[in-house]
Structure formats: structure tokens, C-alpha cells
Amino acid sequence: MRNIRYLGWLPPVGTLIGPLLHNAVHPFILGMPFVLGWIVVWLLLTTPIMALVYWLDPANRRDGDAGDRP
């Protein structure tokens, strides 16, 4: 289950690498150029992705199965 932390790399990669691959102005997303819309979408997706990583990480369980934490 440790591989769930790799999901944390998805927002930075999508935000930084995506505009390099999809550099276009004319398709608009809610009136914004595509690159700006792409960044805003990834900004909004970051919170649920990080919440999912936190929720699925066994180190954040309260029952103490993952070991003693200070």
C-alpha cells in the first residue's frame, strides 16, 4: 500500500509538464486560454488527490496498526 504515495506526484507533473505538451491558446476553458485553464483544473484536482493519499495512507490510521507515532 506504500505505492499510494506516488499519487502525490500526479498534481505537480500534471501542472508543470502538461502545458509543455498542450501549449495552445485557441481552445478556451471557461473563457481562459487552454494553458491557464489546464493549470486551474490541476489546482482544483490537487485537493482531492492529496485527500485520497492521506485517507489511504496506513500511517494516518488512529487504531495504532501502523506503529507508534509520537
PDB file of N, CA and C in Angstrom:
ATOM      1  N   MET A   1       0.821  -1.192   0.000  1.00  0.00           N
ATOM      2  CA  MET A   1       0.000   0.000   0.000  1.00  0.00           C
ATOM      3  C   MET A   1       0.864   1.255   0.000  1.00  0.00           C
ATOM      4  N   ARG A   2       2.167   1.103   0.065  1.00  0.00           N
ATOM      5  CA  ARG A   2       3.057   2.258   0.071  1.00  0.00           C
ATOM      6  C   ARG A   2       3.057   2.968  -1.283  1.00  0.00           C
ATOM      7  N   ASN A   3       2.635   2.294  -2.328  1.00  0.00           N
ATOM      8  CA  ASN A   3       2.639   2.903  -3.657  1.00  0.00           C
ATOM      9  C   ASN A   3       1.603   3.998  -3.814  1.00  0.00           C
ATOM     10  N   ILE A   4       0.683   4.132  -2.866  1.00  0.00           N
ATOM     11  CA  ILE A   4      -0.329   5.176  -2.955  1.00  0.00           C
ATOM     12  C   ILE A   4       0.313   6.558  -2.860  1.00  0.00           C
ATOM     13  N   ARG A   5       1.487   6.642  -2.253  1.00  0.00           N
ATOM     14  CA  ARG A   5       2.166   7.933  -2.140  1.00  0.00           C
ATOM     15  C   ARG A   5       2.645   8.458  -3.488  1.00  0.00           C
ATOM     16  N   TYR A   6       2.804   7.576  -4.458  1.00  0.00           N
ATOM     17  CA  TYR A   6       3.195   8.026  -5.792  1.00  0.00           C
ATOM     18  C   TYR A   6       2.090   8.853  -6.458  1.00  0.00           C
ATOM     19  N   LEU A   7       0.871   8.714  -5.966  1.00  0.00           N
ATOM     20  CA  LEU A   7      -0.214   9.550  -6.463  1.00  0.00           C
ATOM     21  C   LEU A   7       0.044  11.014  -6.149  1.00  0.00           C
ATOM     22  N   GLY A   8       0.843  11.295  -5.147  1.00  0.00           N
ATOM     23  CA  GLY A   8       1.193  12.659  -4.797  1.00  0.00           C
ATOM     24  C   GLY A   8       2.019  13.361  -5.858  1.00  0.00           C
ATOM     25  N   TRP A   9       2.647  12.591  -6.729  1.00  0.00           N
ATOM     26  CA  TRP A   9       3.416  13.186  -7.825  1.00  0.00           C
ATOM     27  C   TRP A   9       2.536  13.606  -8.988  1.00  0.00           C
ATOM     28  N   LEU A  10       1.318  13.152  -9.036  1.00  0.00           N
ATOM     29  CA  LEU A  10       0.428  13.451 -10.157  1.00  0.00           C
ATOM     30  C   LEU A  10       0.126  14.945 -10.318  1.00  0.00           C
ATOM     31  N   PRO A  11      -0.247  15.697  -9.268  1.00  0.00           N
ATOM     32  CA  PRO A  11      -0.514  17.128  -9.461  1.00  0.00           C
ATOM     33  C   PRO A  11       0.682  17.947  -9.946  1.00  0.00           C
ATOM     34  N   PRO A  12       1.893  17.792  -9.367  1.00  0.00           N
ATOM     35  CA  PRO A  12       2.996  18.593  -9.900  1.00  0.00           C
ATOM     36  C   PRO A  12       3.359  18.240 -11.334  1.00  0.00           C
ATOM     37  N   VAL A  13       3.307  16.959 -11.647  1.00  0.00           N
ATOM     38  CA  VAL A  13       3.633  16.550 -13.013  1.00  0.00           C
ATOM     39  C   VAL A  13       2.575  17.074 -13.987  1.00  0.00           C
ATOM     40  N   GLY A  14       1.319  16.951 -13.623  1.00  0.00           N
ATOM     41  CA  GLY A  14       0.256  17.450 -14.496  1.00  0.00           C
ATOM     42  C   GLY A  14       0.289  18.951 -14.669  1.00  0.00           C
ATOM     43  N   THR A  15       0.650  19.666 -13.599  1.00  0.00           N
ATOM     44  CA  THR A  15       0.686  21.123 -13.663  1.00  0.00           C
ATOM     45  C   THR A  15       1.884  21.629 -14.448  1.00  0.00           C
ATOM     46  N   LEU A  16       3.033  21.026 -14.265  1.00  0.00           N
ATOM     47  CA  LEU A  16       4.252  21.543 -14.881  1.00  0.00           C
ATOM     48  C   LEU A  16       4.547  20.964 -16.258  1.00  0.00           C
ATOM     49  N   ILE A  17       4.293  19.694 -16.458  1.00  0.00           N
ATOM     50  CA  ILE A  17       4.618  19.055 -17.730  1.00  0.00           C
ATOM     51  C   ILE A  17       3.478  19.204 -18.735  1.00  0.00           C
ATOM     52  N   GLY A  18       2.248  19.239 -18.254  1.00  0.00           N
ATOM     53  CA  GLY A  18       1.095  19.337 -19.143  1.00  0.00           C
ATOM     54  C   GLY A  18       1.106  20.526 -20.080  1.00  0.00           C
ATOM     55  N   PRO A  19       1.369  21.750 -19.590  1.00  0.00           N
ATOM     56  CA  PRO A  19       1.394  22.888 -20.510  1.00  0.00           C
ATOM     57  C   PRO A  19       2.487  22.803 -21.568  1.00  0.00           C
ATOM     58  N   LEU A  20       3.568  22.101 -21.278  1.00  0.00           N
ATOM     59  CA  LEU A  20       4.602  21.931 -22.298  1.00  0.00           C
ATOM     60  C   LEU A  20       4.116  21.044 -23.441  1.00  0.00           C
ATOM     61  N   LEU A  21       3.272  20.087 -23.117  1.00  0.00           N
ATOM     62  CA  LEU A  21       2.768  19.165 -24.136  1.00  0.00           C
ATOM     63  C   LEU A  21       1.542  19.703 -24.861  1.00  0.00           C
ATOM     64  N   HIS A  22       0.753  20.526 -24.187  1.00  0.00           N
ATOM     65  CA  HIS A  22      -0.501  21.022 -24.747  1.00  0.00           C
ATOM     66  C   HIS A  22      -0.493  22.545 -24.822  1.00  0.00           C
ATOM     67  N   ASN A  23       0.529  23.103 -25.413  1.00  0.00           N
ATOM     68  CA  ASN A  23       0.665  24.543 -25.472  1.00  0.00           C
ATOM     69  C   ASN A  23      -0.193  25.092 -26.615  1.00  0.00           C
ATOM     70  N   ALA A  24      -1.415  25.484 -26.282  1.00  0.00           N
ATOM     71  CA  ALA A  24      -2.338  26.039 -27.262  1.00  0.00           C
ATOM     72  C   ALA A  24      -3.120  27.174 -26.610  1.00  0.00           C
ATOM     73  N   VAL A  25      -3.520  28.158 -27.413  1.00  0.00           N
ATOM     74  CA  VAL A  25      -4.243  29.298 -26.872  1.00  0.00           C
ATOM     75  C   VAL A  25      -5.709  29.250 -27.276  1.00  0.00           C
ATOM     76  N   HIS A  26      -6.007  28.828 -28.478  1.00  0.00           N
ATOM     77  CA  HIS A  26      -7.363  28.989 -29.006  1.00  0.00           C
ATOM     78  C   HIS A  26      -8.446  28.129 -28.374  1.00  0.00           C
ATOM     79  N   PRO A  27      -8.220  26.897 -27.978  1.00  0.00           N
ATOM     80  CA  PRO A  27      -9.309  26.259 -27.226  1.00  0.00           C
ATOM     81  C   PRO A  27      -9.424  26.929 -25.856  1.00  0.00           C
ATOM     82  N   PHE A  28     -10.603  27.418 -25.542  1.00  0.00           N
ATOM     83  CA  PHE A  28     -10.806  28.120 -24.286  1.00  0.00           C
ATOM     84  C   PHE A  28     -11.536  27.224 -23.283  1.00  0.00           C
ATOM     85  N   ILE A  29     -11.182  27.351 -22.015  1.00  0.00           N
ATOM     86  CA  ILE A  29     -11.855  26.656 -20.921  1.00  0.00           C
ATOM     87  C   ILE A  29     -12.433  27.735 -20.029  1.00  0.00           C
ATOM     88  N   LEU A  30     -13.753  27.876 -20.026  1.00  0.00           N
ATOM     89  CA  LEU A  30     -14.446  28.897 -19.241  1.00  0.00           C
ATOM     90  C   LEU A  30     -13.901  30.296 -19.508  1.00  0.00           C
ATOM     91  N   GLY A  31     -13.585  30.597 -20.735  1.00  0.00           N
ATOM     92  CA  GLY A  31     -13.105  31.913 -21.130  1.00  0.00           C
ATOM     93  C   GLY A  31     -11.623  32.132 -20.932  1.00  0.00           C
ATOM     94  N   MET A  32     -10.912  31.133 -20.409  1.00  0.00           N
ATOM     95  CA  MET A  32      -9.474  31.255 -20.195  1.00  0.00           C
ATOM     96  C   MET A  32      -8.742  30.513 -21.302  1.00  0.00           C
ATOM     97  N   PRO A  33      -7.548  30.979 -21.656  1.00  0.00           N
ATOM     98  CA  PRO A  33      -6.751  30.188 -22.609  1.00  0.00           C
ATOM     99  C   PRO A  33      -6.512  28.783 -22.059  1.00  0.00           C
ATOM    100  N   PHE A  34      -6.256  27.856 -22.949  1.00  0.00           N
ATOM    101  CA  PHE A  34      -6.162  26.452 -22.578  1.00  0.00           C
ATOM    102  C   PHE A  34      -5.107  26.201 -21.499  1.00  0.00           C
ATOM    103  N   VAL A  35      -3.941  26.831 -21.614  1.00  0.00           N
ATOM    104  CA  VAL A  35      -2.866  26.586 -20.656  1.00  0.00           C
ATOM    105  C   VAL A  35      -3.274  27.063 -19.258  1.00  0.00           C
ATOM    106  N   LEU A  36      -3.884  28.230 -19.161  1.00  0.00           N
ATOM    107  CA  LEU A  36      -4.333  28.729 -17.866  1.00  0.00           C
ATOM    108  C   LEU A  36      -5.453  27.847 -17.313  1.00  0.00           C
ATOM    109  N   GLY A  37      -6.366  27.424 -18.164  1.00  0.00           N
ATOM    110  CA  GLY A  37      -7.425  26.514 -17.737  1.00  0.00           C
ATOM    111  C   GLY A  37      -6.865  25.189 -17.256  1.00  0.00           C
ATOM    112  N   TRP A  38      -5.830  24.690 -17.923  1.00  0.00           N
ATOM    113  CA  TRP A  38      -5.176  23.442 -17.528  1.00  0.00           C
ATOM    114  C   TRP A  38      -4.615  23.561 -16.119  1.00  0.00           C
ATOM    115  N   ILE A  39      -3.945  24.673 -15.841  1.00  0.00           N
ATOM    116  CA  ILE A  39      -3.346  24.886 -14.522  1.00  0.00           C
ATOM    117  C   ILE A  39      -4.429  25.011 -13.446  1.00  0.00           C
ATOM    118  N   VAL A  40      -5.514  25.706 -13.757  1.00  0.00           N
ATOM    119  CA  VAL A  40      -6.606  25.860 -12.786  1.00  0.00           C
ATOM    120  C   VAL A  40      -7.259  24.511 -12.495  1.00  0.00           C
ATOM    121  N   VAL A  41      -7.452  23.701 -13.513  1.00  0.00           N
ATOM    122  CA  VAL A  41      -8.037  22.368 -13.310  1.00  0.00           C
ATOM    123  C   VAL A  41      -7.142  21.524 -12.406  1.00  0.00           C
ATOM    124  N   TRP A  42      -5.835  21.548 -12.635  1.00  0.00           N
ATOM    125  CA  TRP A  42      -4.932  20.774 -11.790  1.00  0.00           C
ATOM    126  C   TRP A  42      -4.872  21.337 -10.383  1.00  0.00           C
ATOM    127  N   LEU A  43      -5.010  22.640 -10.241  1.00  0.00           N
ATOM    128  CA  LEU A  43      -5.058  23.241  -8.911  1.00  0.00           C
ATOM    129  C   LEU A  43      -6.277  22.728  -8.142  1.00  0.00           C
ATOM    130  N   LEU A  44      -7.407  22.616  -8.816  1.00  0.00           N
ATOM    131  CA  LEU A  44      -8.620  22.117  -8.176  1.00  0.00           C
ATOM    132  C   LEU A  44      -8.561  20.609  -7.921  1.00  0.00           C
ATOM    133  N   LEU A  45      -7.855  19.870  -8.756  1.00  0.00           N
ATOM    134  CA  LEU A  45      -7.732  18.422  -8.572  1.00  0.00           C
ATOM    135  C   LEU A  45      -6.719  18.042  -7.495  1.00  0.00           C
ATOM    136  N   THR A  46      -5.827  18.965  -7.135  1.00  0.00           N
ATOM    137  CA  THR A  46      -4.799  18.659  -6.151  1.00  0.00           C
ATOM    138  C   THR A  46      -5.398  18.319  -4.789  1.00  0.00           C
ATOM    139  N   THR A  47      -6.413  19.051  -4.361  1.00  0.00           N
ATOM    140  CA  THR A  47      -7.001  18.806  -3.046  1.00  0.00           C
ATOM    141  C   THR A  47      -7.615  17.409  -2.929  1.00  0.00           C
ATOM    142  N   PRO A  48      -8.471  16.972  -3.866  1.00  0.00           N
ATOM    143  CA  PRO A  48      -8.998  15.607  -3.711  1.00  0.00           C
ATOM    144  C   PRO A  48      -7.932  14.522  -3.831  1.00  0.00           C
ATOM    145  N   ILE A  49      -6.922  14.745  -4.663  1.00  0.00           N
ATOM    146  CA  ILE A  49      -5.865  13.739  -4.802  1.00  0.00           C
ATOM    147  C   ILE A  49      -5.077  13.623  -3.503  1.00  0.00           C
ATOM    148  N   MET A  50      -4.724  14.755  -2.906  1.00  0.00           N
ATOM    149  CA  MET A  50      -3.982  14.720  -1.645  1.00  0.00           C
ATOM    150  C   MET A  50      -4.839  14.168  -0.505  1.00  0.00           C
ATOM    151  N   ALA A  51      -6.139  14.448  -0.517  1.00  0.00           N
ATOM    152  CA  ALA A  51      -7.033  13.878   0.490  1.00  0.00           C
ATOM    153  C   ALA A  51      -7.110  12.364   0.330  1.00  0.00           C
ATOM    154  N   LEU A  52      -7.129  11.882  -0.892  1.00  0.00           N
ATOM    155  CA  LEU A  52      -7.151  10.443  -1.149  1.00  0.00           C
ATOM    156  C   LEU A  52      -5.862   9.789  -0.658  1.00  0.00           C
ATOM    157  N   VAL A  53      -4.731  10.428  -0.920  1.00  0.00           N
ATOM    158  CA  VAL A  53      -3.453   9.899  -0.450  1.00  0.00           C
ATOM    159  C   VAL A  53      -3.436   9.850   1.072  1.00  0.00           C
ATOM    160  N   TYR A  54      -3.904  10.899   1.717  1.00  0.00           N
ATOM    161  CA  TYR A  54      -3.938  10.939   3.185  1.00  0.00           C
ATOM    162  C   TYR A  54      -4.870   9.868   3.741  1.00  0.00           C
ATOM    163  N   TRP A  55      -6.032   9.708   3.101  1.00  0.00           N
ATOM    164  CA  TRP A  55      -7.026   8.763   3.585  1.00  0.00           C
ATOM    165  C   TRP A  55      -6.566   7.310   3.423  1.00  0.00           C
ATOM    166  N   LEU A  56      -5.849   7.008   2.338  1.00  0.00           N
ATOM    167  CA  LEU A  56      -5.418   5.637   2.076  1.00  0.00           C
ATOM    168  C   LEU A  56      -4.079   5.283   2.712  1.00  0.00           C
ATOM    169  N   ASP A  57      -3.353   6.271   3.218  1.00  0.00           N
ATOM    170  CA  ASP A  57      -2.047   6.006   3.812  1.00  0.00           C
ATOM    171  C   ASP A  57      -2.219   5.322   5.161  1.00  0.00           C
ATOM    172  N   PRO A  58      -1.634   4.148   5.345  1.00  0.00           N
ATOM    173  CA  PRO A  58      -1.814   3.439   6.621  1.00  0.00           C
ATOM    174  C   PRO A  58      -1.160   4.150   7.803  1.00  0.00           C
ATOM    175  N   ALA A  59      -0.232   5.047   7.588  1.00  0.00           N
ATOM    176  CA  ALA A  59       0.415   5.761   8.688  1.00  0.00           C
ATOM    177  C   ALA A  59      -0.536   6.741   9.359  1.00  0.00           C
ATOM    178  N   ASN A  60      -1.650   7.062   8.740  1.00  0.00           N
ATOM    179  CA  ASN A  60      -2.592   8.034   9.286  1.00  0.00           C
ATOM    180  C   ASN A  60      -3.777   7.391   9.993  1.00  0.00           C
ATOM    181  N   ARG A  61      -3.733   6.089  10.212  1.00  0.00           N
ATOM    182  CA  ARG A  61      -4.821   5.411  10.905  1.00  0.00           C
ATOM    183  C   ARG A  61      -4.682   5.621  12.406  1.00  0.00           C
ATOM    184  N   ARG A  62      -5.787   5.758  13.104  1.00  0.00           N
ATOM    185  CA  ARG A  62      -5.758   6.023  14.546  1.00  0.00           C
ATOM    186  C   ARG A  62      -5.700   4.762  15.386  1.00  0.00           C
ATOM    187  N   ASP A  63      -5.938   3.598  14.808  1.00  0.00           N
ATOM    188  CA  ASP A  63      -6.005   2.376  15.605  1.00  0.00           C
ATOM    189  C   ASP A  63      -4.635   1.856  16.048  1.00  0.00           C
ATOM    190  N   GLY A  64      -3.556   2.456  15.563  1.00  0.00           N
ATOM    191  CA  GLY A  64      -2.217   2.080  16.006  1.00  0.00           C
ATOM    192  C   GLY A  64      -1.624   0.895  15.284  1.00  0.00           C
ATOM    193  N   ASP A  65      -2.246   0.417  14.218  1.00  0.00           N
ATOM    194  CA  ASP A  65      -1.712  -0.718  13.476  1.00  0.00           C
ATOM    195  C   ASP A  65      -0.430  -0.381  12.731  1.00  0.00           C
ATOM    196  N   ALA A  66      -0.246   0.875  12.369  1.00  0.00           N
ATOM    197  CA  ALA A  66       0.915   1.248  11.577  1.00  0.00           C
ATOM    198  C   ALA A  66       2.147   1.492  12.446  1.00  0.00           C
ATOM    199  N   GLY A  67       2.041   1.406  13.742  1.00  0.00           N
ATOM    200  CA  GLY A  67       3.171   1.631  14.625  1.00  0.00           C
ATOM    201  C   GLY A  67       2.920   2.830  15.523  1.00  0.00           C
ATOM    202  N   ASP A  68       3.773   2.984  16.488  1.00  0.00           N
ATOM    203  CA  ASP A  68       3.619   4.103  17.422  1.00  0.00           C
ATOM    204  C   ASP A  68       4.213   5.368  16.823  1.00  0.00           C
ATOM    205  N   ARG A  69       3.419   6.408  16.835  1.00  0.00           N
ATOM    206  CA  ARG A  69       3.886   7.710  16.356  1.00  0.00           C
ATOM    207  C   ARG A  69       3.929   8.663  17.532  1.00  0.00           C
ATOM    208  N   PRO A  70       4.918   9.535  17.570  1.00  0.00           N
ATOM    209  CA  PRO A  70       4.990  10.478  18.702  1.00  0.00           C
ATOM    210  C   PRO A  70       3.880  11.493  18.685  1.00  0.00           C
TER     211      PRO A  70
END
